[in-house]
Amino acid sequence: MLRHDAKPGRLVVGLAALSAAVLYAGDAADTWTAPSFLVLTIVGTSLFVGAVVAMGNQRIRRRREAQRASKENIGAPASTRGSHAIR
């Protein structure tokens, strides 16, 4: 059993923030010149991609839980979110 759920959306955003930090650190050390629009583009795009990845992860988890509940035939039915809940 896993200790916590994996959160790939946070991983994507974290890696992009780390790359932005490396760009700023290189710019501060005069190793290279990083334009500010590049860093802002990386962070903004990573927020969007992270949200899409998180939504996909949530959809997959819900589908797996619904399949597991319908196979076990105990607990909550597979269609508890809609107005046509099975009881």
PDB file of N, CA and C in Angstrom:
ATOM      1  N   MET A   1       0.845  -1.177   0.000  1.00  0.00           N
ATOM      2  CA  MET A   1       0.000   0.000   0.000  1.00  0.00           C
ATOM      3  C   MET A   1       0.891   1.242   0.000  1.00  0.00           C
ATOM      4  N   LEU A   2       0.516   2.187  -0.817  1.00  0.00           N
ATOM      5  CA  LEU A   2       1.270   3.429  -0.893  1.00  0.00           C
ATOM      6  C   LEU A   2       0.984   4.303   0.323  1.00  0.00           C
ATOM      7  N   ARG A   3       1.965   5.064   0.716  1.00  0.00           N
ATOM      8  CA  ARG A   3       1.774   5.952   1.858  1.00  0.00           C
ATOM      9  C   ARG A   3       0.969   7.187   1.492  1.00  0.00           C
ATOM     10  N   HIS A   4       1.074   7.635   0.262  1.00  0.00           N
ATOM     11  CA  HIS A   4       0.310   8.789  -0.194  1.00  0.00           C
ATOM     12  C   HIS A   4       0.079   8.653  -1.687  1.00  0.00           C
ATOM     13  N   ASP A   5      -0.860   9.425  -2.183  1.00  0.00           N
ATOM     14  CA  ASP A   5      -1.175   9.395  -3.601  1.00  0.00           C
ATOM     15  C   ASP A   5      -0.114  10.150  -4.398  1.00  0.00           C
ATOM     16  N   ALA A   6       0.168   9.660  -5.577  1.00  0.00           N
ATOM     17  CA  ALA A   6       1.081  10.356  -6.475  1.00  0.00           C
ATOM     18  C   ALA A   6       0.359  11.560  -7.059  1.00  0.00           C
ATOM     19  N   LYS A   7       1.041  12.663  -7.197  1.00  0.00           N
ATOM     20  CA  LYS A   7       0.466  13.887  -7.737  1.00  0.00           C
ATOM     21  C   LYS A   7       1.333  14.363  -8.898  1.00  0.00           C
ATOM     22  N   PRO A   8       1.094  13.821 -10.098  1.00  0.00           N
ATOM     23  CA  PRO A   8       1.952  14.169 -11.232  1.00  0.00           C
ATOM     24  C   PRO A   8       1.830  15.621 -11.667  1.00  0.00           C
ATOM     25  N   GLY A   9       0.695  16.255 -11.421  1.00  0.00           N
ATOM     26  CA  GLY A   9       0.554  17.673 -11.763  1.00  0.00           C
ATOM     27  C   GLY A   9       1.514  18.533 -10.965  1.00  0.00           C
ATOM     28  N   ARG A  10       1.639  18.222  -9.694  1.00  0.00           N
ATOM     29  CA  ARG A  10       2.585  18.962  -8.847  1.00  0.00           C
ATOM     30  C   ARG A  10       4.022  18.689  -9.273  1.00  0.00           C
ATOM     31  N   LEU A  11       4.284  17.485  -9.738  1.00  0.00           N
ATOM     32  CA  LEU A  11       5.623  17.147 -10.215  1.00  0.00           C
ATOM     33  C   LEU A  11       5.988  17.993 -11.432  1.00  0.00           C
ATOM     34  N   VAL A  12       5.061  18.134 -12.358  1.00  0.00           N
ATOM     35  CA  VAL A  12       5.313  18.934 -13.569  1.00  0.00           C
ATOM     36  C   VAL A  12       5.598  20.390 -13.193  1.00  0.00           C
ATOM     37  N   VAL A  13       4.757  20.958 -12.322  1.00  0.00           N
ATOM     38  CA  VAL A  13       4.939  22.353 -11.925  1.00  0.00           C
ATOM     39  C   VAL A  13       6.235  22.528 -11.133  1.00  0.00           C
ATOM     40  N   GLY A  14       6.555  21.577 -10.281  1.00  0.00           N
ATOM     41  CA  GLY A  14       7.782  21.656  -9.496  1.00  0.00           C
ATOM     42  C   GLY A  14       9.029  21.600 -10.350  1.00  0.00           C
ATOM     43  N   LEU A  15       9.037  20.724 -11.351  1.00  0.00           N
ATOM     44  CA  LEU A  15      10.196  20.649 -12.242  1.00  0.00           C
ATOM     45  C   LEU A  15      10.356  21.931 -13.065  1.00  0.00           C
ATOM     46  N   ALA A  16       9.242  22.502 -13.487  1.00  0.00           N
ATOM     47  CA  ALA A  16       9.322  23.758 -14.236  1.00  0.00           C
ATOM     48  C   ALA A  16       9.800  24.898 -13.342  1.00  0.00           C
ATOM     49  N   ALA A  17       9.340  24.928 -12.092  1.00  0.00           N
ATOM     50  CA  ALA A  17       9.810  25.966 -11.170  1.00  0.00           C
ATOM     51  C   ALA A  17      11.302  25.795 -10.895  1.00  0.00           C
ATOM     52  N   LEU A  18      11.749  24.555 -10.799  1.00  0.00           N
ATOM     53  CA  LEU A  18      13.173  24.297 -10.604  1.00  0.00           C
ATOM     54  C   LEU A  18      13.987  24.761 -11.813  1.00  0.00           C
ATOM     55  N   SER A  19      13.474  24.527 -13.008  1.00  0.00           N
ATOM     56  CA  SER A  19      14.197  24.988 -14.199  1.00  0.00           C
ATOM     57  C   SER A  19      14.216  26.515 -14.267  1.00  0.00           C
ATOM     58  N   ALA A  20      13.127  27.159 -13.852  1.00  0.00           N
ATOM     59  CA  ALA A  20      13.115  28.626 -13.812  1.00  0.00           C
ATOM     60  C   ALA A  20      14.127  29.142 -12.794  1.00  0.00           C
ATOM     61  N   ALA A  21      14.253  28.458 -11.670  1.00  0.00           N
ATOM     62  CA  ALA A  21      15.234  28.860 -10.660  1.00  0.00           C
ATOM     63  C   ALA A  21      16.656  28.707 -11.188  1.00  0.00           C
ATOM     64  N   VAL A  22      16.901  27.643 -11.939  1.00  0.00           N
ATOM     65  CA  VAL A  22      18.234  27.446 -12.525  1.00  0.00           C
ATOM     66  C   VAL A  22      18.524  28.546 -13.544  1.00  0.00           C
ATOM     67  N   LEU A  23      17.517  28.922 -14.338  1.00  0.00           N
ATOM     68  CA  LEU A  23      17.716  30.018 -15.293  1.00  0.00           C
ATOM     69  C   LEU A  23      18.044  31.322 -14.585  1.00  0.00           C
ATOM     70  N   TYR A  24      17.293  31.641 -13.534  1.00  0.00           N
ATOM     71  CA  TYR A  24      17.572  32.862 -12.781  1.00  0.00           C
ATOM     72  C   TYR A  24      18.934  32.808 -12.089  1.00  0.00           C
ATOM     73  N   ALA A  25      19.310  31.641 -11.571  1.00  0.00           N
ATOM     74  CA  ALA A  25      20.613  31.515 -10.911  1.00  0.00           C
ATOM     75  C   ALA A  25      21.752  31.706 -11.910  1.00  0.00           C
ATOM     76  N   GLY A  26      21.599  31.142 -13.095  1.00  0.00           N
ATOM     77  CA  GLY A  26      22.612  31.340 -14.126  1.00  0.00           C
ATOM     78  C   GLY A  26      22.697  32.779 -14.581  1.00  0.00           C
ATOM     79  N   ASP A  27      21.546  33.426 -14.630  1.00  0.00           N
ATOM     80  CA  ASP A  27      21.537  34.842 -15.002  1.00  0.00           C
ATOM     81  C   ASP A  27      22.163  35.692 -13.904  1.00  0.00           C
ATOM     82  N   ALA A  28      21.918  35.355 -12.651  1.00  0.00           N
ATOM     83  CA  ALA A  28      22.500  36.114 -11.540  1.00  0.00           C
ATOM     84  C   ALA A  28      24.008  35.923 -11.452  1.00  0.00           C
ATOM     85  N   ALA A  29      24.495  34.747 -11.835  1.00  0.00           N
ATOM     86  CA  ALA A  29      25.930  34.471 -11.787  1.00  0.00           C
ATOM     87  C   ALA A  29      26.646  34.924 -13.066  1.00  0.00           C
ATOM     88  N   ASP A  30      25.933  35.577 -13.965  1.00  0.00           N
ATOM     89  CA  ASP A  30      26.472  36.042 -15.248  1.00  0.00           C
ATOM     90  C   ASP A  30      27.032  34.913 -16.104  1.00  0.00           C
ATOM     91  N   THR A  31      26.461  33.720 -15.946  1.00  0.00           N
ATOM     92  CA  THR A  31      26.840  32.599 -16.794  1.00  0.00           C
ATOM     93  C   THR A  31      26.174  32.731 -18.157  1.00  0.00           C
ATOM     94  N   TRP A  32      24.925  33.144 -18.158  1.00  0.00           N
ATOM     95  CA  TRP A  32      24.183  33.403 -19.378  1.00  0.00           C
ATOM     96  C   TRP A  32      23.146  34.478 -19.099  1.00  0.00           C
ATOM     97  N   THR A  33      22.508  34.914 -20.149  1.00  0.00           N
ATOM     98  CA  THR A  33      21.457  35.924 -20.012  1.00  0.00           C
ATOM     99  C   THR A  33      20.115  35.262 -20.294  1.00  0.00           C
ATOM    100  N   ALA A  34      19.262  35.257 -19.297  1.00  0.00           N
ATOM    101  CA  ALA A  34      17.938  34.651 -19.443  1.00  0.00           C
ATOM    102  C   ALA A  34      16.905  35.767 -19.554  1.00  0.00           C
ATOM    103  N   PRO A  35      16.225  35.860 -20.697  1.00  0.00           N
ATOM    104  CA  PRO A  35      15.188  36.886 -20.821  1.00  0.00           C
ATOM    105  C   PRO A  35      14.011  36.573 -19.893  1.00  0.00           C
ATOM    106  N   SER A  36      13.423  37.613 -19.357  1.00  0.00           N
ATOM    107  CA  SER A  36      12.354  37.412 -18.371  1.00  0.00           C
ATOM    108  C   SER A  36      11.125  36.782 -19.004  1.00  0.00           C
ATOM    109  N   PHE A  37      10.858  37.062 -20.278  1.00  0.00           N
ATOM    110  CA  PHE A  37       9.681  36.466 -20.901  1.00  0.00           C
ATOM    111  C   PHE A  37       9.815  34.951 -21.023  1.00  0.00           C
ATOM    112  N   LEU A  38      11.039  34.450 -21.139  1.00  0.00           N
ATOM    113  CA  LEU A  38      11.246  33.005 -21.224  1.00  0.00           C
ATOM    114  C   LEU A  38      10.875  32.337 -19.906  1.00  0.00           C
ATOM    115  N   VAL A  39      11.313  32.906 -18.817  1.00  0.00           N
ATOM    116  CA  VAL A  39      11.022  32.328 -17.503  1.00  0.00           C
ATOM    117  C   VAL A  39       9.524  32.402 -17.224  1.00  0.00           C
ATOM    118  N   LEU A  40       8.910  33.534 -17.542  1.00  0.00           N
ATOM    119  CA  LEU A  40       7.466  33.663 -17.330  1.00  0.00           C
ATOM    120  C   LEU A  40       6.684  32.700 -18.214  1.00  0.00           C
ATOM    121  N   THR A  41       7.157  32.476 -19.424  1.00  0.00           N
ATOM    122  CA  THR A  41       6.508  31.523 -20.316  1.00  0.00           C
ATOM    123  C   THR A  41       6.620  30.102 -19.770  1.00  0.00           C
ATOM    124  N   ILE A  42       7.783  29.748 -19.256  1.00  0.00           N
ATOM    125  CA  ILE A  42       7.979  28.411 -18.689  1.00  0.00           C
ATOM    126  C   ILE A  42       7.049  28.199 -17.501  1.00  0.00           C
ATOM    127  N   VAL A  43       6.980  29.160 -16.610  1.00  0.00           N
ATOM    128  CA  VAL A  43       6.144  29.016 -15.416  1.00  0.00           C
ATOM    129  C   VAL A  43       4.663  28.994 -15.791  1.00  0.00           C
ATOM    130  N   GLY A  44       4.244  29.888 -16.666  1.00  0.00           N
ATOM    131  CA  GLY A  44       2.840  29.922 -17.071  1.00  0.00           C
ATOM    132  C   GLY A  44       2.400  28.661 -17.795  1.00  0.00           C
ATOM    133  N   THR A  45       3.230  28.198 -18.710  1.00  0.00           N
ATOM    134  CA  THR A  45       2.914  26.968 -19.435  1.00  0.00           C
ATOM    135  C   THR A  45       2.900  25.773 -18.498  1.00  0.00           C
ATOM    136  N   SER A  46       3.812  25.736 -17.546  1.00  0.00           N
ATOM    137  CA  SER A  46       3.841  24.603 -16.624  1.00  0.00           C
ATOM    138  C   SER A  46       2.608  24.583 -15.728  1.00  0.00           C
ATOM    139  N   LEU A  47       2.091  25.751 -15.363  1.00  0.00           N
ATOM    140  CA  LEU A  47       0.857  25.781 -14.580  1.00  0.00           C
ATOM    141  C   LEU A  47      -0.307  25.207 -15.377  1.00  0.00           C
ATOM    142  N   PHE A  48      -0.389  25.552 -16.647  1.00  0.00           N
ATOM    143  CA  PHE A  48      -1.455  25.014 -17.497  1.00  0.00           C
ATOM    144  C   PHE A  48      -1.297  23.505 -17.693  1.00  0.00           C
ATOM    145  N   VAL A  49      -0.091  23.066 -18.045  1.00  0.00           N
ATOM    146  CA  VAL A  49       0.150  21.639 -18.269  1.00  0.00           C
ATOM    147  C   VAL A  49      -0.051  20.853 -16.976  1.00  0.00           C
ATOM    148  N   GLY A  50       0.385  21.411 -15.852  1.00  0.00           N
ATOM    149  CA  GLY A  50       0.178  20.750 -14.564  1.00  0.00           C
ATOM    150  C   GLY A  50      -1.293  20.578 -14.239  1.00  0.00           C
ATOM    151  N   ALA A  51      -2.113  21.582 -14.576  1.00  0.00           N
ATOM    152  CA  ALA A  51      -3.552  21.479 -14.341  1.00  0.00           C
ATOM    153  C   ALA A  51      -4.178  20.396 -15.216  1.00  0.00           C
ATOM    154  N   VAL A  52      -3.745  20.324 -16.472  1.00  0.00           N
ATOM    155  CA  VAL A  52      -4.268  19.297 -17.371  1.00  0.00           C
ATOM    156  C   VAL A  52      -3.874  17.905 -16.890  1.00  0.00           C
ATOM    157  N   VAL A  53      -2.631  17.751 -16.456  1.00  0.00           N
ATOM    158  CA  VAL A  53      -2.160  16.461 -15.952  1.00  0.00           C
ATOM    159  C   VAL A  53      -2.918  16.070 -14.676  1.00  0.00           C
ATOM    160  N   ALA A  54      -3.142  17.034 -13.790  1.00  0.00           N
ATOM    161  CA  ALA A  54      -3.872  16.752 -12.552  1.00  0.00           C
ATOM    162  C   ALA A  54      -5.319  16.349 -12.840  1.00  0.00           C
ATOM    163  N   MET A  55      -5.950  17.012 -13.805  1.00  0.00           N
ATOM    164  CA  MET A  55      -7.320  16.644 -14.162  1.00  0.00           C
ATOM    165  C   MET A  55      -7.377  15.244 -14.762  1.00  0.00           C
ATOM    166  N   GLY A  56      -6.413  14.912 -15.593  1.00  0.00           N
ATOM    167  CA  GLY A  56      -6.351  13.558 -16.150  1.00  0.00           C
ATOM    168  C   GLY A  56      -6.120  12.513 -15.079  1.00  0.00           C
ATOM    169  N   ASN A  57      -5.262  12.817 -14.124  1.00  0.00           N
ATOM    170  CA  ASN A  57      -4.999  11.898 -13.023  1.00  0.00           C
ATOM    171  C   ASN A  57      -6.259  11.691 -12.189  1.00  0.00           C
ATOM    172  N   GLN A  58      -6.991  12.756 -11.927  1.00  0.00           N
ATOM    173  CA  GLN A  58      -8.215  12.649 -11.142  1.00  0.00           C
ATOM    174  C   GLN A  58      -9.264  11.812 -11.881  1.00  0.00           C
ATOM    175  N   ARG A  59      -9.358  12.000 -13.182  1.00  0.00           N
ATOM    176  CA  ARG A  59     -10.316  11.230 -13.967  1.00  0.00           C
ATOM    177  C   ARG A  59      -9.971   9.735 -13.949  1.00  0.00           C
ATOM    178  N   ILE A  60      -8.683   9.417 -14.065  1.00  0.00           N
ATOM    179  CA  ILE A  60      -8.259   8.014 -14.038  1.00  0.00           C
ATOM    180  C   ILE A  60      -8.545   7.400 -12.675  1.00  0.00           C
ATOM    181  N   ARG A  61      -8.267   8.129 -11.593  1.00  0.00           N
ATOM    182  CA  ARG A  61      -8.518   7.604 -10.251  1.00  0.00           C
ATOM    183  C   ARG A  61     -10.000   7.355 -10.003  1.00  0.00           C
ATOM    184  N   ARG A  62     -10.855   8.268 -10.453  1.00  0.00           N
ATOM    185  CA  ARG A  62     -12.295   8.061 -10.282  1.00  0.00           C
ATOM    186  C   ARG A  62     -12.774   6.841 -11.040  1.00  0.00           C
ATOM    187  N   ARG A  63     -12.252   6.666 -12.257  1.00  0.00           N
ATOM    188  CA  ARG A  63     -12.661   5.506 -13.056  1.00  0.00           C
ATOM    189  C   ARG A  63     -12.220   4.211 -12.386  1.00  0.00           C
ATOM    190  N   ARG A  64     -10.997   4.189 -11.860  1.00  0.00           N
ATOM    191  CA  ARG A  64     -10.518   2.981 -11.178  1.00  0.00           C
ATOM    192  C   ARG A  64     -11.330   2.671  -9.932  1.00  0.00           C
ATOM    193  N   GLU A  65     -11.679   3.719  -9.159  1.00  0.00           N
ATOM    194  CA  GLU A  65     -12.494   3.504  -7.968  1.00  0.00           C
ATOM    195  C   GLU A  65     -13.872   2.983  -8.330  1.00  0.00           C
ATOM    196  N   ALA A  66     -14.453   3.498  -9.401  1.00  0.00           N
ATOM    197  CA  ALA A  66     -15.770   3.036  -9.829  1.00  0.00           C
ATOM    198  C   ALA A  66     -15.710   1.585 -10.292  1.00  0.00           C
ATOM    199  N   GLN A  67     -14.671   1.211 -11.013  1.00  0.00           N
ATOM    200  CA  GLN A  67     -14.533  -0.174 -11.454  1.00  0.00           C
ATOM    201  C   GLN A  67     -14.323  -1.100 -10.269  1.00  0.00           C
ATOM    202  N   ARG A  68     -13.517  -0.659  -9.317  1.00  0.00           N
ATOM    203  CA  ARG A  68     -13.261  -1.473  -8.137  1.00  0.00           C
ATOM    204  C   ARG A  68     -14.543  -1.662  -7.319  1.00  0.00           C
ATOM    205  N   ALA A  69     -15.340  -0.612  -7.170  1.00  0.00           N
ATOM    206  CA  ALA A  69     -16.578  -0.700  -6.401  1.00  0.00           C
ATOM    207  C   ALA A  69     -17.588  -1.602  -7.098  1.00  0.00           C
ATOM    208  N   SER A  70     -17.645  -1.555  -8.422  1.00  0.00           N
ATOM    209  CA  SER A  70     -18.609  -2.398  -9.113  1.00  0.00           C
ATOM    210  C   SER A  70     -18.172  -3.857  -9.137  1.00  0.00           C
ATOM    211  N   LYS A  71     -16.865  -4.124  -9.109  1.00  0.00           N
ATOM    212  CA  LYS A  71     -16.390  -5.510  -9.078  1.00  0.00           C
ATOM    213  C   LYS A  71     -16.604  -6.148  -7.715  1.00  0.00           C
ATOM    214  N   GLU A  72     -16.393  -5.382  -6.665  1.00  0.00           N
ATOM    215  CA  GLU A  72     -16.525  -5.926  -5.323  1.00  0.00           C
ATOM    216  C   GLU A  72     -17.985  -6.079  -4.922  1.00  0.00           C
ATOM    217  N   ASN A  73     -18.848  -5.267  -5.513  1.00  0.00           N
ATOM    218  CA  ASN A  73     -20.273  -5.305  -5.241  1.00  0.00           C
ATOM    219  C   ASN A  73     -20.596  -5.003  -3.782  1.00  0.00           C
ATOM    220  N   ILE A  74     -19.748  -4.227  -3.131  1.00  0.00           N
ATOM    221  CA  ILE A  74     -20.008  -3.757  -1.778  1.00  0.00           C
ATOM    222  C   ILE A  74     -19.715  -2.272  -1.721  1.00  0.00           C
ATOM    223  N   GLY A  75     -20.206  -1.609  -0.740  1.00  0.00           N
ATOM    224  CA  GLY A  75     -19.923  -0.180  -0.596  1.00  0.00           C
ATOM    225  C   GLY A  75     -20.749   0.639  -1.554  1.00  0.00           C
ATOM    226  N   ALA A  76     -20.210   1.767  -1.956  1.00  0.00           N
ATOM    227  CA  ALA A  76     -20.931   2.690  -2.826  1.00  0.00           C
ATOM    228  C   ALA A  76     -21.000   2.139  -4.243  1.00  0.00           C
ATOM    229  N   PRO A  77     -22.130   2.332  -4.900  1.00  0.00           N
ATOM    230  CA  PRO A  77     -22.237   1.890  -6.295  1.00  0.00           C
ATOM    231  C   PRO A  77     -21.388   2.771  -7.201  1.00  0.00           C
ATOM    232  N   ALA A  78     -21.234   2.335  -8.439  1.00  0.00           N
ATOM    233  CA  ALA A  78     -20.358   3.032  -9.373  1.00  0.00           C
ATOM    234  C   ALA A  78     -20.904   4.385  -9.799  1.00  0.00           C
ATOM    235  N   SER A  79     -22.210   4.614  -9.697  1.00  0.00           N
ATOM    236  CA  SER A  79     -22.782   5.856 -10.198  1.00  0.00           C
ATOM    237  C   SER A  79     -23.369   6.704  -9.067  1.00  0.00           C
ATOM    238  N   THR A  80     -22.575   7.051  -8.103  1.00  0.00           N
ATOM    239  CA  THR A  80     -23.082   7.843  -6.976  1.00  0.00           C
ATOM    240  C   THR A  80     -23.007   9.334  -7.211  1.00  0.00           C
ATOM    241  N   ARG A  81     -22.346   9.801  -8.271  1.00  0.00           N
ATOM    242  CA  ARG A  81     -22.176  11.227  -8.486  1.00  0.00           C
ATOM    243  C   ARG A  81     -23.363  11.852  -9.203  1.00  0.00           C
ATOM    244  N   GLY A  82     -24.092  11.126  -9.986  1.00  0.00           N
ATOM    245  CA  GLY A  82     -25.178  11.696 -10.775  1.00  0.00           C
ATOM    246  C   GLY A  82     -26.498  11.718 -10.024  1.00  0.00           C
ATOM    247  N   SER A  83     -27.531  12.194 -10.709  1.00  0.00           N
ATOM    248  CA  SER A  83     -28.849  12.255 -10.099  1.00  0.00           C
ATOM    249  C   SER A  83     -29.542  10.902 -10.133  1.00  0.00           C
ATOM    250  N   HIS A  84     -28.984   9.952 -10.850  1.00  0.00           N
ATOM    251  CA  HIS A  84     -29.574   8.629 -10.960  1.00  0.00           C
ATOM    252  C   HIS A  84     -28.775   7.635 -10.125  1.00  0.00           C
ATOM    253  N   ALA A  85     -28.650   7.914  -8.863  1.00  0.00           N
ATOM    254  CA  ALA A  85     -27.859   7.058  -7.980  1.00  0.00           C
ATOM    255  C   ALA A  85     -28.566   5.722  -7.783  1.00  0.00           C
ATOM    256  N   ILE A  86     -27.808   4.665  -7.850  1.00  0.00           N
ATOM    257  CA  ILE A  86     -28.349   3.324  -7.633  1.00  0.00           C
ATOM    258  C   ILE A  86     -28.356   3.046  -6.157  1.00  0.00           C
ATOM    259  N   ARG A  87     -29.462   2.553  -5.640  1.00  0.00           N
ATOM    260  CA  ARG A  87     -29.556   2.258  -4.207  1.00  0.00           C
ATOM    261  C   ARG A  87     -30.047   0.860  -3.996  1.00  0.00           C
TER     262      ARG A  87
END
